[in-house]
N, C-alpha and C. Protein backbone atom coordinates (compact mmCIF):
# COMPACT_ATOMS: atom_id res chain seq x y z
N MET A 1 77.45 241.71 447.51
CA MET A 1 77.22 241.24 445.99
C MET A 1 75.52 241.05 445.84
N THR A 2 74.89 241.78 444.96
CA THR A 2 73.63 241.49 444.72
C THR A 2 73.45 240.58 443.55
N ARG A 3 72.33 239.66 443.69
CA ARG A 3 71.88 238.72 442.95
C ARG A 3 70.93 239.14 441.84
N LYS A 4 71.18 239.10 440.63
CA LYS A 4 70.23 239.33 439.68
C LYS A 4 69.12 238.33 439.53
N HIS A 5 67.79 238.78 439.65
CA HIS A 5 66.89 237.69 439.42
C HIS A 5 66.12 237.85 437.87
N VAL A 6 66.06 236.75 437.35
CA VAL A 6 65.39 236.88 436.20
C VAL A 6 64.23 235.96 436.16
N ILE A 7 63.22 236.66 435.26
CA ILE A 7 61.91 235.95 435.58
C ILE A 7 61.86 234.93 434.29
N VAL A 8 61.91 233.70 434.32
CA VAL A 8 61.73 232.72 432.99
C VAL A 8 60.53 232.19 432.78
N PRO A 9 59.90 232.39 431.60
CA PRO A 9 58.54 231.67 431.42
C PRO A 9 58.51 230.21 431.56
N PRO A 10 57.64 229.62 431.86
CA PRO A 10 57.73 228.09 431.48
C PRO A 10 57.97 227.92 430.12
N PHE A 11 59.11 227.17 429.72
CA PHE A 11 59.37 226.69 428.40
C PHE A 11 58.32 225.89 427.82
N ARG A 12 57.29 225.31 428.47
CA ARG A 12 56.20 224.17 427.69
C ARG A 12 55.52 225.43 426.90
N ASP A 13 55.29 226.70 427.27
CA ASP A 13 54.47 227.70 426.66
C ASP A 13 55.32 227.76 425.38
N LEU A 14 56.34 227.79 425.20
CA LEU A 14 57.35 227.89 423.79
C LEU A 14 57.35 226.61 423.19
N ASP A 15 57.13 225.65 423.65
CA ASP A 15 57.56 224.02 422.96
C ASP A 15 57.15 223.93 421.50
N PRO A 16 55.78 224.44 421.25
CA PRO A 16 55.31 224.29 419.88
C PRO A 16 56.18 224.85 418.67
N GLU A 17 56.82 226.12 419.10
CA GLU A 17 57.55 226.87 418.40
C GLU A 17 59.07 226.31 418.13
N LEU A 18 59.51 225.84 419.46
CA LEU A 18 60.89 225.30 419.81
C LEU A 18 61.25 224.02 419.32
N GLU A 19 59.86 223.41 419.22
CA GLU A 19 59.79 221.99 418.60
C GLU A 19 60.08 222.01 417.22
N VAL A 20 59.83 222.94 416.60
CA VAL A 20 59.78 223.13 415.21
C VAL A 20 60.92 223.89 414.78
N ALA A 21 61.74 224.35 415.70
CA ALA A 21 63.17 225.07 415.48
C ALA A 21 64.04 224.13 415.43
N GLU A 22 64.14 223.17 416.82
CA GLU A 22 64.73 221.99 416.53
C GLU A 22 64.64 221.09 415.62
N ARG A 23 63.53 221.00 415.13
CA ARG A 23 63.52 219.93 413.96
C ARG A 23 63.92 220.60 412.82
N LEU A 24 63.89 221.91 412.48
CA LEU A 24 64.60 222.56 411.46
C LEU A 24 66.19 222.50 411.39
N LEU A 25 66.56 222.66 412.80
CA LEU A 25 68.05 222.53 413.10
C LEU A 25 68.55 221.35 412.78
N ALA A 26 67.74 220.22 412.90
CA ALA A 26 68.11 218.88 413.16
C ALA A 26 68.16 218.45 411.52
N GLN A 27 67.37 219.17 410.56
CA GLN A 27 67.08 218.88 409.23
C GLN A 27 68.22 219.75 408.42
N GLY A 28 68.85 220.68 409.10
CA GLY A 28 69.89 221.18 408.51
C GLY A 28 69.41 222.76 407.93
N ASN A 29 68.49 223.04 408.26
CA ASN A 29 67.75 224.65 407.36
C ASN A 29 68.93 225.79 407.61
N PRO A 30 69.22 226.10 406.27
CA PRO A 30 70.12 226.97 406.32
C PRO A 30 70.01 228.34 406.78
N TRP A 31 68.71 228.59 407.03
CA TRP A 31 68.56 229.75 407.53
C TRP A 31 68.87 229.71 409.17
N LEU A 32 68.07 229.01 409.87
CA LEU A 32 68.41 228.96 411.37
C LEU A 32 69.63 228.41 411.67
N ALA A 33 70.47 227.25 410.69
CA ALA A 33 71.72 227.00 410.95
C ALA A 33 72.83 228.20 410.89
N GLY A 34 72.41 229.06 409.96
CA GLY A 34 73.39 230.36 410.00
C GLY A 34 73.31 231.23 411.23
N VAL A 35 71.84 230.86 412.07
CA VAL A 35 71.78 231.82 413.06
C VAL A 35 72.88 231.18 414.18
N VAL A 36 72.58 229.95 414.38
CA VAL A 36 73.47 229.17 415.38
C VAL A 36 75.00 229.35 415.09
N ALA A 37 75.34 229.31 413.59
CA ALA A 37 76.93 229.59 413.21
C ALA A 37 77.50 230.67 413.70
N ALA A 38 76.65 231.73 413.77
CA ALA A 38 76.85 232.89 413.89
C ALA A 38 77.50 233.33 415.52
N LEU A 39 76.87 232.24 416.29
CA LEU A 39 77.54 232.33 417.72
C LEU A 39 79.02 231.92 417.93
N PRO A 40 79.71 232.53 418.56
CA PRO A 40 79.03 233.07 419.96
C PRO A 40 79.17 234.48 419.77
N ASP A 41 78.97 235.27 418.60
CA ASP A 41 78.84 236.73 418.19
C ASP A 41 77.31 236.62 418.36
N GLU A 42 76.67 237.27 419.35
CA GLU A 42 75.48 237.39 419.80
C GLU A 42 74.63 238.52 418.70
N GLN A 43 75.35 239.66 418.70
CA GLN A 43 74.84 240.58 417.81
C GLN A 43 74.68 239.90 416.20
N ALA A 44 75.50 239.18 415.77
CA ALA A 44 75.54 238.62 414.13
C ALA A 44 74.35 237.67 414.31
N ALA A 45 74.24 236.77 415.58
CA ALA A 45 73.28 235.86 415.46
C ALA A 45 71.84 236.56 415.42
N ALA A 46 71.55 237.67 416.40
CA ALA A 46 70.40 238.51 416.39
C ALA A 46 69.99 239.18 414.93
N ASN A 47 71.27 239.66 414.40
CA ASN A 47 71.06 239.97 412.85
C ASN A 47 70.31 239.36 411.84
N ARG A 48 71.05 238.08 412.19
CA ARG A 48 70.41 236.99 411.17
C ARG A 48 69.14 236.47 411.43
N LEU A 49 68.66 236.48 412.87
CA LEU A 49 67.40 236.05 413.31
C LEU A 49 66.36 236.98 412.77
N ASN A 50 66.78 238.15 413.13
CA ASN A 50 65.80 239.33 412.73
C ASN A 50 65.70 239.30 410.97
N ARG A 51 66.75 239.27 410.37
CA ARG A 51 66.67 239.13 408.85
C ARG A 51 65.43 238.17 408.68
N ILE A 52 65.64 236.96 409.06
CA ILE A 52 64.57 235.89 408.71
C ILE A 52 63.22 236.43 409.00
N LEU A 53 63.05 237.02 410.15
CA LEU A 53 61.79 237.24 410.80
C LEU A 53 61.06 238.51 409.73
N ALA A 54 62.29 239.45 409.32
CA ALA A 54 61.50 240.41 408.65
C ALA A 54 61.58 239.91 407.01
N GLY A 55 62.34 239.21 406.62
CA GLY A 55 62.26 238.63 405.36
C GLY A 55 61.07 237.75 405.16
N THR A 56 60.60 237.17 406.02
CA THR A 56 59.32 236.21 405.74
C THR A 56 57.97 237.00 405.74
N GLY A 57 57.87 238.34 406.06
CA GLY A 57 56.93 239.10 406.01
C GLY A 57 55.85 238.77 407.42
N ALA A 58 56.57 238.31 408.66
CA ALA A 58 55.95 238.13 409.49
C ALA A 58 55.65 239.04 410.43
N ALA A 59 54.47 239.06 410.93
CA ALA A 59 54.06 240.35 411.84
C ALA A 59 53.32 239.68 412.93
N PRO A 60 53.98 240.36 414.28
CA PRO A 60 53.33 239.96 415.58
C PRO A 60 51.98 240.07 415.94
N ARG A 61 51.49 239.06 416.63
CA ARG A 61 50.32 239.01 417.20
C ARG A 61 50.31 238.70 418.72
N LEU A 62 49.31 239.19 419.47
CA LEU A 62 49.13 238.97 420.64
C LEU A 62 47.82 237.66 420.85
N VAL A 63 48.50 236.68 421.36
CA VAL A 63 47.50 235.82 421.49
C VAL A 63 47.23 234.96 422.90
N VAL A 64 46.17 234.45 423.44
CA VAL A 64 46.23 234.12 424.48
C VAL A 64 46.94 232.52 424.89
N ALA A 65 47.57 232.25 425.72
CA ALA A 65 48.23 231.43 425.95
C ALA A 65 47.65 230.85 427.60
N GLU A 66 48.07 229.45 427.65
CA GLU A 66 47.74 228.96 428.90
C GLU A 66 47.95 229.93 430.43
N ASN A 67 49.08 230.42 430.39
CA ASN A 67 49.32 231.26 431.62
C ASN A 67 49.27 232.69 431.26
N GLY A 68 48.46 233.14 430.31
CA GLY A 68 48.52 234.75 430.18
C GLY A 68 48.34 235.00 428.53
N TRP A 69 49.19 235.62 428.25
CA TRP A 69 49.33 236.38 426.76
C TRP A 69 50.88 236.12 426.66
N ARG A 70 50.78 235.90 425.12
CA ARG A 70 52.07 235.99 424.38
C ARG A 70 52.12 236.42 423.26
N VAL A 71 53.39 236.96 422.36
CA VAL A 71 53.52 237.38 421.13
C VAL A 71 53.74 236.29 420.29
N VAL A 72 53.52 236.05 419.43
CA VAL A 72 53.61 235.34 418.37
C VAL A 72 53.95 235.95 416.85
N GLN A 73 54.42 235.17 416.08
CA GLN A 73 54.66 235.84 414.51
C GLN A 73 53.74 234.92 413.68
N VAL A 74 52.84 235.68 413.12
CA VAL A 74 51.85 235.13 411.96
C VAL A 74 52.47 235.68 410.67
N THR A 75 52.69 234.41 409.58
CA THR A 75 53.05 234.80 408.20
C THR A 75 51.92 235.04 407.31
N PRO A 76 51.91 236.07 406.52
CA PRO A 76 50.93 236.41 405.45
C PRO A 76 50.90 235.47 404.13
N TRP A 77 51.95 234.87 404.18
CA TRP A 77 51.90 234.25 402.73
C TRP A 77 52.38 232.60 403.16
N PRO A 78 51.89 231.65 402.05
CA PRO A 78 52.04 230.10 402.42
C PRO A 78 53.30 229.82 402.20
N GLY A 79 53.88 228.74 402.92
CA GLY A 79 55.28 228.14 402.60
C GLY A 79 56.32 228.69 403.65
N CYS A 80 56.21 229.82 404.16
CA CYS A 80 57.28 230.05 405.12
C CYS A 80 56.72 229.82 406.53
N GLY A 81 55.74 228.96 406.59
CA GLY A 81 55.11 228.76 408.28
C GLY A 81 56.21 228.16 409.19
N ASP A 82 56.85 227.06 408.85
CA ASP A 82 57.77 226.46 409.63
C ASP A 82 58.74 227.32 410.13
N LEU A 83 59.43 227.95 408.98
CA LEU A 83 60.58 228.97 409.19
C LEU A 83 60.25 230.14 410.22
N VAL A 84 58.90 230.56 409.77
CA VAL A 84 58.69 231.59 410.75
C VAL A 84 58.14 231.23 412.31
N SER A 85 57.72 229.89 412.33
CA SER A 85 57.27 229.55 413.63
C SER A 85 58.55 229.29 414.31
N GLY A 86 59.53 228.61 413.97
CA GLY A 86 60.96 228.22 414.43
C GLY A 86 61.82 229.44 414.72
N ALA A 87 61.53 230.41 413.82
CA ALA A 87 62.73 231.38 414.15
C ALA A 87 62.11 232.38 415.29
N SER A 88 60.81 232.40 415.27
CA SER A 88 59.73 233.07 416.26
C SER A 88 60.12 232.47 417.78
N GLY A 89 59.95 231.11 417.83
CA GLY A 89 60.34 230.33 419.14
C GLY A 89 61.80 230.59 419.42
N LEU A 90 62.83 230.74 418.58
CA LEU A 90 63.95 230.81 418.95
C LEU A 90 64.19 232.46 419.51
N ALA A 91 63.53 233.29 418.76
CA ALA A 91 63.62 234.73 419.30
C ALA A 91 63.07 234.91 420.72
N GLU A 92 61.99 234.17 420.98
CA GLU A 92 61.29 234.03 422.44
C GLU A 92 62.23 233.75 423.13
N LEU A 93 62.68 232.53 422.80
CA LEU A 93 63.83 231.84 423.87
C LEU A 93 64.77 232.55 424.20
N VAL A 94 65.49 233.16 423.23
CA VAL A 94 66.81 234.26 423.54
C VAL A 94 66.20 235.21 424.21
N ALA A 95 65.12 235.94 423.90
CA ALA A 95 64.25 237.19 424.77
C ALA A 95 64.32 236.74 426.25
N PHE A 96 63.81 235.64 426.54
CA PHE A 96 63.42 235.10 427.88
C PHE A 96 64.98 234.62 428.47
N GLY A 97 65.63 233.64 427.78
CA GLY A 97 66.87 233.24 428.65
C GLY A 97 68.17 233.53 428.03
N GLY A 98 68.38 234.29 426.98
CA GLY A 98 69.55 234.66 426.42
C GLY A 98 70.09 233.62 425.57
N TRP A 99 70.99 233.96 424.94
CA TRP A 99 71.73 233.12 423.63
C TRP A 99 72.38 231.77 424.25
N ARG A 100 72.58 231.86 425.76
CA ARG A 100 73.37 230.63 426.42
C ARG A 100 72.18 229.40 426.00
N ARG A 101 71.08 229.69 425.98
CA ARG A 101 70.17 228.49 425.70
C ARG A 101 70.03 228.02 424.24
N VAL A 102 70.99 228.53 423.41
CA VAL A 102 70.92 227.83 422.21
C VAL A 102 72.35 227.14 422.01
N LYS A 103 72.29 226.00 422.21
CA LYS A 103 73.85 224.99 422.65
C LYS A 103 73.80 224.08 421.34
N ARG A 104 75.27 223.51 421.46
CA ARG A 104 75.43 222.27 420.62
C ARG A 104 75.71 221.13 421.33
N CYS A 105 75.21 220.02 420.93
CA CYS A 105 75.28 218.56 421.41
C CYS A 105 77.00 218.14 421.82
N ALA A 106 77.05 217.99 422.96
CA ALA A 106 78.42 217.46 423.55
C ALA A 106 78.71 216.47 422.99
N VAL A 107 77.84 215.64 422.27
CA VAL A 107 78.18 214.12 421.26
C VAL A 107 78.43 214.40 419.74
N CYS A 108 77.41 214.76 419.13
CA CYS A 108 77.46 215.25 418.00
C CYS A 108 77.33 216.62 417.39
N ALA A 109 77.10 217.76 418.11
CA ALA A 109 77.25 219.16 417.90
C ALA A 109 76.10 219.54 417.15
N GLN A 110 75.00 218.77 417.15
CA GLN A 110 73.94 219.02 416.94
C GLN A 110 73.43 220.43 417.44
N ALA A 111 72.90 221.11 416.91
CA ALA A 111 72.04 222.54 417.81
C ALA A 111 70.69 222.02 418.57
N PHE A 112 70.49 222.63 419.36
CA PHE A 112 69.32 222.38 420.31
C PHE A 112 68.89 223.51 421.15
N CYS A 113 67.72 223.52 421.53
CA CYS A 113 67.58 224.74 422.73
C CYS A 113 67.32 224.30 423.86
N ASP A 114 67.87 224.78 424.84
CA ASP A 114 67.85 224.19 426.27
C ASP A 114 66.82 224.79 426.92
N ARG A 115 65.77 224.22 427.43
CA ARG A 115 64.63 224.55 427.89
C ARG A 115 64.84 224.08 429.53
N THR A 116 65.91 223.50 430.00
CA THR A 116 65.97 223.17 431.27
C THR A 116 65.82 224.57 432.46
N SER A 117 65.39 224.21 433.63
CA SER A 117 65.25 225.76 434.30
C SER A 117 66.67 226.12 434.81
N GLY A 118 67.64 225.18 434.76
CA GLY A 118 68.91 225.84 435.38
C GLY A 118 70.03 225.84 434.24
N CYS A 119 69.35 225.93 433.01
CA CYS A 119 70.13 225.83 431.63
C CYS A 119 71.44 224.97 431.80
N SER A 120 70.77 223.79 432.01
CA SER A 120 72.01 222.79 432.41
C SER A 120 72.09 221.78 431.23
N ARG A 121 71.26 221.46 430.30
CA ARG A 121 71.39 220.33 428.99
C ARG A 121 72.49 220.67 428.38
N ARG A 122 72.97 219.44 428.01
CA ARG A 122 74.28 219.44 427.29
C ARG A 122 74.13 218.35 426.09
N TRP A 123 72.98 217.72 425.67
CA TRP A 123 73.01 216.96 424.67
C TRP A 123 71.63 217.06 424.06
N CYS A 124 71.79 216.75 422.91
CA CYS A 124 70.54 216.86 421.71
C CYS A 124 69.35 215.86 422.09
N ALA A 125 68.31 215.89 421.54
CA ALA A 125 67.35 214.87 421.95
C ALA A 125 67.79 213.48 421.91
N GLY A 126 68.62 212.89 420.78
CA GLY A 126 69.28 211.71 420.41
C GLY A 126 70.35 211.13 421.36
N HIS A 127 70.87 212.16 422.07
CA HIS A 127 71.94 211.84 422.81
C HIS A 127 71.75 212.10 424.53
N ARG A 128 70.58 212.73 424.87
CA ARG A 128 70.27 212.40 426.13
C ARG A 128 70.46 211.25 426.86
N PRO A 129 71.09 211.27 428.38
CA PRO A 129 71.10 209.92 428.98
C PRO A 129 69.49 209.18 429.00
N HIS A 130 69.60 208.07 428.70
CA HIS A 130 68.35 207.47 429.00
C HIS A 130 67.31 207.46 427.70
N ALA A 131 67.97 208.19 426.75
CA ALA A 131 66.93 208.44 425.57
C ALA A 131 66.45 207.11 424.92
N GLU A 132 67.31 206.22 424.86
CA GLU A 132 66.97 204.87 424.28
C GLU A 132 65.91 204.19 425.07
N SER A 133 66.16 204.17 426.51
CA SER A 133 65.18 203.97 427.14
C SER A 133 63.68 204.45 427.44
N ARG A 134 63.59 205.70 427.05
CA ARG A 134 62.37 206.19 427.10
C ARG A 134 61.77 206.07 425.67
N SER A 135 62.56 205.94 424.70
CA SER A 135 61.83 205.93 423.20
C SER A 135 61.46 204.35 423.39
N SER A 136 61.67 203.27 423.96
CA SER A 136 61.35 202.19 424.36
C SER A 136 60.26 201.91 425.29
N GLY A 137 59.89 202.76 425.72
CA GLY A 137 58.93 202.73 426.99
C GLY A 137 59.18 202.31 428.03
N VAL A 138 60.60 202.02 428.29
CA VAL A 138 61.29 201.46 429.53
C VAL A 138 61.47 202.79 430.39
N HIS A 139 61.24 202.85 431.59
CA HIS A 139 61.47 203.95 432.32
C HIS A 139 62.19 203.72 433.76
């Protein structure tokens, strides 16, 4: 049995866009919520995500990041920046880690992006174990 090795980027490089994606998902953004609602049909989810990126007039740009280069989506018109940013982050996450990294919270069913190295997260930010102690400053 051969083992398939996948190179996964440090997800902290995707954090700005993924934070926007999770915020929009938590706010019930209909566009990104539609992408998640299409799962587990990955092709349908990808089609919806691609329509968002194409429909906003986003254009790819190569930019310098901490650990090299990465592709980001830049929007030519104001007003859709968060949607482009969130959709781009979600697209990069899926490209590097697959749709299995887009999950729903085991407690409240809120969609979130699993950025853990083992793809083992089961809860949204509000329901992660010890979330209350972290937010109150107790560690």
